[in-house]
Every structure is written in C-alpha cells, then in structure tokens.
Amino acid sequence: MSYVDGMLCAVSEDNKDAFVAHSRAMAEVFKEHGATAVVDCWGDDVPDGEVTSMKMAVKAAPGETVVFSWVAWPDKAARDAGWAKAMEDPRMAPDANPMPFDGKRLIYGGFEVVMQS
C-alpha cells in the first residue's frame, strides 16, 4: 500500500511566488528520490473555526494563507529511503532553498494509505 507525507503551514500572501518556487525545487528533489507525486495547494476556502481549524492549527496570522501539501510514495520503505536521500541533497540546504514561511508552525506527518478511489 502507498504512503503519504502530509503537511500544513501558513504562508504570507506576499510570499506566494516564493513559496511556489520553493515547492517546485523541493518537488524535483523528492521525485528524483522516489516520490510518485508532490502536491501543494494554496488555501482558497479555509473557514475559521470556533474550537479548531486549519488556520488555528498553524497559527495563521492576518495576511497569511494556509497551504496543504502532500508527497506520495510507493510505500513507507521508499519514503524512508527517499527522505534520507533528500535531506542529504545539497539542493535542500536552507541556504540553497530557504523556506518562505515559519517552519516552527509547519505541521507534518506520515500516513499509510488505507483507502483510495
């Protein structure tokens, strides 16, 4: 069964172009190291919540948009090996491809796909 890394972050609306450029560079690295797909989605209809919400989860401030992303892998073993190689890749170094958002508010996790249609 396939495996997915999911991420949620808040990005300044002024940094959309920088985020897309950052994302494209990361996608190239992940795909070279075994990812089958890399998807980044710019929040368009992300409602405020009363108890919890995507905006609350990443502590989005006024002028920031929630970004929802995922990286698909053939399986967890491919993901573990791919991430290890990607983290060693010089194109992923902070000075080569700095994050255009606050990484302290990035939420991420790995997920086993249990249903896909």
C-alpha atoms as a PDB file:
ATOM      1  CA  MET A   1       0.000   0.000   0.000  1.00  0.00           C
ATOM      2  CA  SER A   2       1.263   3.505  -0.754  1.00  0.00           C
ATOM      3  CA  TYR A   3       2.440   6.048   1.789  1.00  0.00           C
ATOM      4  CA  VAL A   4       1.846   9.808   2.046  1.00  0.00           C
ATOM      5  CA  ASP A   5       3.562  12.615   3.917  1.00  0.00           C
ATOM      6  CA  GLY A   6       1.074  15.386   4.700  1.00  0.00           C
ATOM      7  CA  MET A   7       1.923  18.961   5.631  1.00  0.00           C
ATOM      8  CA  LEU A   8       0.076  22.103   6.658  1.00  0.00           C
ATOM      9  CA  CYS A   9       1.665  25.538   7.017  1.00  0.00           C
ATOM     10  CA  ALA A  10       0.847  29.246   6.966  1.00  0.00           C
ATOM     11  CA  VAL A  11       2.446  31.351   4.228  1.00  0.00           C
ATOM     12  CA  SER A  12       2.332  35.115   3.856  1.00  0.00           C
ATOM     13  CA  GLU A  13       0.180  36.050   0.885  1.00  0.00           C
ATOM     14  CA  ASP A  14       3.092  38.262  -0.238  1.00  0.00           C
ATOM     15  CA  ASN A  15       5.304  35.144  -0.435  1.00  0.00           C
ATOM     16  CA  LYS A  16       3.096  33.088  -2.762  1.00  0.00           C
ATOM     17  CA  ASP A  17       5.525  33.261  -5.694  1.00  0.00           C
ATOM     18  CA  ALA A  18       8.485  32.455  -3.440  1.00  0.00           C
ATOM     19  CA  PHE A  19       6.549  29.522  -1.979  1.00  0.00           C
ATOM     20  CA  VAL A  20       5.739  28.133  -5.425  1.00  0.00           C
ATOM     21  CA  ALA A  21       9.403  28.401  -6.452  1.00  0.00           C
ATOM     22  CA  HIS A  22      10.472  26.699  -3.203  1.00  0.00           C
ATOM     23  CA  SER A  23       7.881  23.992  -3.756  1.00  0.00           C
ATOM     24  CA  ARG A  24       8.990  23.287  -7.326  1.00  0.00           C
ATOM     25  CA  ALA A  25      12.602  22.917  -6.221  1.00  0.00           C
ATOM     26  CA  MET A  26      11.622  20.526  -3.415  1.00  0.00           C
ATOM     27  CA  ALA A  27       9.362  18.513  -5.716  1.00  0.00           C
ATOM     28  CA  GLU A  28      12.230  17.935  -8.133  1.00  0.00           C
ATOM     29  CA  VAL A  29      14.386  16.555  -5.317  1.00  0.00           C
ATOM     30  CA  PHE A  30      11.644  14.345  -3.846  1.00  0.00           C
ATOM     31  CA  LYS A  31      10.729  12.898  -7.239  1.00  0.00           C
ATOM     32  CA  GLU A  32      14.374  12.152  -8.026  1.00  0.00           C
ATOM     33  CA  HIS A  33      14.498  10.238  -4.746  1.00  0.00           C
ATOM     34  CA  GLY A  34      11.386   8.118  -5.292  1.00  0.00           C
ATOM     35  CA  ALA A  35       8.268  10.212  -4.680  1.00  0.00           C
ATOM     36  CA  THR A  36       5.459   9.490  -7.130  1.00  0.00           C
ATOM     37  CA  ALA A  37       3.711  12.849  -6.668  1.00  0.00           C
ATOM     38  CA  VAL A  38       4.196  16.160  -4.887  1.00  0.00           C
ATOM     39  CA  VAL A  39       1.141  18.401  -4.459  1.00  0.00           C
ATOM     40  CA  ASP A  40       0.920  21.861  -2.878  1.00  0.00           C
ATOM     41  CA  CYS A  41      -2.444  23.593  -2.502  1.00  0.00           C
ATOM     42  CA  TRP A  42      -2.886  27.306  -1.764  1.00  0.00           C
ATOM     43  CA  GLY A  43      -5.815  27.888   0.620  1.00  0.00           C
ATOM     44  CA  ASP A  44      -8.826  29.360  -1.134  1.00  0.00           C
ATOM     45  CA  ASP A  45     -11.771  28.435   1.096  1.00  0.00           C
ATOM     46  CA  VAL A  46     -10.374  27.722   4.569  1.00  0.00           C
ATOM     47  CA  PRO A  47     -13.027  28.620   7.154  1.00  0.00           C
ATOM     48  CA  ASP A  48     -12.378  29.985  10.613  1.00  0.00           C
ATOM     49  CA  GLY A  49     -13.278  27.597  13.404  1.00  0.00           C
ATOM     50  CA  GLU A  50     -14.649  28.022  16.894  1.00  0.00           C
ATOM     51  CA  VAL A  51     -12.908  25.075  18.550  1.00  0.00           C
ATOM     52  CA  THR A  52     -10.309  24.083  15.950  1.00  0.00           C
ATOM     53  CA  SER A  53      -9.454  24.801  12.343  1.00  0.00           C
ATOM     54  CA  MET A  54      -6.616  24.594   9.861  1.00  0.00           C
ATOM     55  CA  LYS A  55      -5.860  28.273  10.486  1.00  0.00           C
ATOM     56  CA  MET A  56      -5.712  27.709  14.246  1.00  0.00           C
ATOM     57  CA  ALA A  57      -3.528  24.627  13.812  1.00  0.00           C
ATOM     58  CA  VAL A  58      -0.789  26.622  12.078  1.00  0.00           C
ATOM     59  CA  LYS A  59      -1.486  29.869  13.970  1.00  0.00           C
ATOM     60  CA  ALA A  60      -2.162  31.693  10.710  1.00  0.00           C
ATOM     61  CA  ALA A  61      -1.939  35.464  11.157  1.00  0.00           C
ATOM     62  CA  PRO A  62      -3.818  38.072   9.144  1.00  0.00           C
ATOM     63  CA  GLY A  63      -2.311  38.203   5.669  1.00  0.00           C
ATOM     64  CA  GLU A  64      -1.308  34.531   5.731  1.00  0.00           C
ATOM     65  CA  THR A  65      -2.859  31.657   3.785  1.00  0.00           C
ATOM     66  CA  VAL A  66      -2.983  28.013   4.821  1.00  0.00           C
ATOM     67  CA  VAL A  67      -1.113  25.689   2.463  1.00  0.00           C
ATOM     68  CA  PHE A  68      -1.980  21.978   2.362  1.00  0.00           C
ATOM     69  CA  SER A  69       0.633  19.704   0.812  1.00  0.00           C
ATOM     70  CA  TRP A  70       1.414  16.063   0.348  1.00  0.00           C
ATOM     71  CA  VAL A  71       4.138  13.847  -1.052  1.00  0.00           C
ATOM     72  CA  ALA A  72       3.116  10.386  -2.277  1.00  0.00           C
ATOM     73  CA  TRP A  73       5.479   7.415  -2.151  1.00  0.00           C
ATOM     74  CA  PRO A  74       5.148   3.801  -3.310  1.00  0.00           C
ATOM     75  CA  ASP A  75       5.440   2.575   0.305  1.00  0.00           C
ATOM     76  CA  LYS A  76       6.936   3.530   3.678  1.00  0.00           C
ATOM     77  CA  ALA A  77      10.306   1.939   2.899  1.00  0.00           C
ATOM     78  CA  ALA A  78      10.607   4.057  -0.261  1.00  0.00           C
ATOM     79  CA  ARG A  79       9.577   7.125   1.749  1.00  0.00           C
ATOM     80  CA  ASP A  80      12.133   6.498   4.482  1.00  0.00           C
ATOM     81  CA  ALA A  81      14.922   5.986   1.938  1.00  0.00           C
ATOM     82  CA  GLY A  82      13.758   8.926  -0.199  1.00  0.00           C
ATOM     83  CA  TRP A  83      13.578  11.347   2.731  1.00  0.00           C
ATOM     84  CA  ALA A  84      17.039  10.299   3.906  1.00  0.00           C
ATOM     85  CA  LYS A  85      18.488  10.954   0.434  1.00  0.00           C
ATOM     86  CA  ALA A  86      16.557  14.210   0.052  1.00  0.00           C
ATOM     87  CA  MET A  87      17.843  15.549   3.374  1.00  0.00           C
ATOM     88  CA  GLU A  88      21.417  14.887   2.201  1.00  0.00           C
ATOM     89  CA  ASP A  89      20.796  16.559  -1.165  1.00  0.00           C
ATOM     90  CA  PRO A  90      22.547  19.970  -1.269  1.00  0.00           C
ATOM     91  CA  ARG A  91      19.531  21.495  -3.058  1.00  0.00           C
ATOM     92  CA  MET A  92      17.554  21.035   0.165  1.00  0.00           C
ATOM     93  CA  ALA A  93      20.005  23.028   2.300  1.00  0.00           C
ATOM     94  CA  PRO A  94      18.423  26.114   3.911  1.00  0.00           C
ATOM     95  CA  ASP A  95      20.836  28.459   2.122  1.00  0.00           C
ATOM     96  CA  ALA A  96      20.085  26.825  -1.259  1.00  0.00           C
ATOM     97  CA  ASN A  97      16.287  26.749  -0.878  1.00  0.00           C
ATOM     98  CA  PRO A  98      15.156  28.741   2.183  1.00  0.00           C
ATOM     99  CA  MET A  99      11.634  28.153   3.472  1.00  0.00           C
ATOM    100  CA  PRO A 100       9.443  31.185   2.668  1.00  0.00           C
ATOM    101  CA  PHE A 101       7.360  30.548   5.802  1.00  0.00           C
ATOM    102  CA  ASP A 102       7.791  29.948   9.528  1.00  0.00           C
ATOM    103  CA  GLY A 103       8.903  26.325   9.798  1.00  0.00           C
ATOM    104  CA  LYS A 104       8.072  26.303  13.525  1.00  0.00           C
ATOM    105  CA  ARG A 105       4.382  26.371  12.563  1.00  0.00           C
ATOM    106  CA  LEU A 106       4.673  23.586   9.972  1.00  0.00           C
ATOM    107  CA  ILE A 107       2.587  20.542  10.873  1.00  0.00           C
ATOM    108  CA  TYR A 108       3.503  17.259   9.206  1.00  0.00           C
ATOM    109  CA  GLY A 109       3.116  13.520   9.497  1.00  0.00           C
ATOM    110  CA  GLY A 110       3.428  10.271   7.597  1.00  0.00           C
ATOM    111  CA  PHE A 111       0.335   8.253   6.714  1.00  0.00           C
ATOM    112  CA  GLU A 112      -0.340   4.761   5.424  1.00  0.00           C
ATOM    113  CA  VAL A 113      -2.996   4.912   2.718  1.00  0.00           C
ATOM    114  CA  VAL A 114      -5.915   2.720   3.787  1.00  0.00           C
ATOM    115  CA  MET A 115      -8.406   3.708   1.055  1.00  0.00           C
ATOM    116  CA  GLN A 116      -8.057   5.347  -2.329  1.00  0.00           C
ATOM    117  CA  SER A 117     -10.685   5.500  -5.048  1.00  0.00           C
END
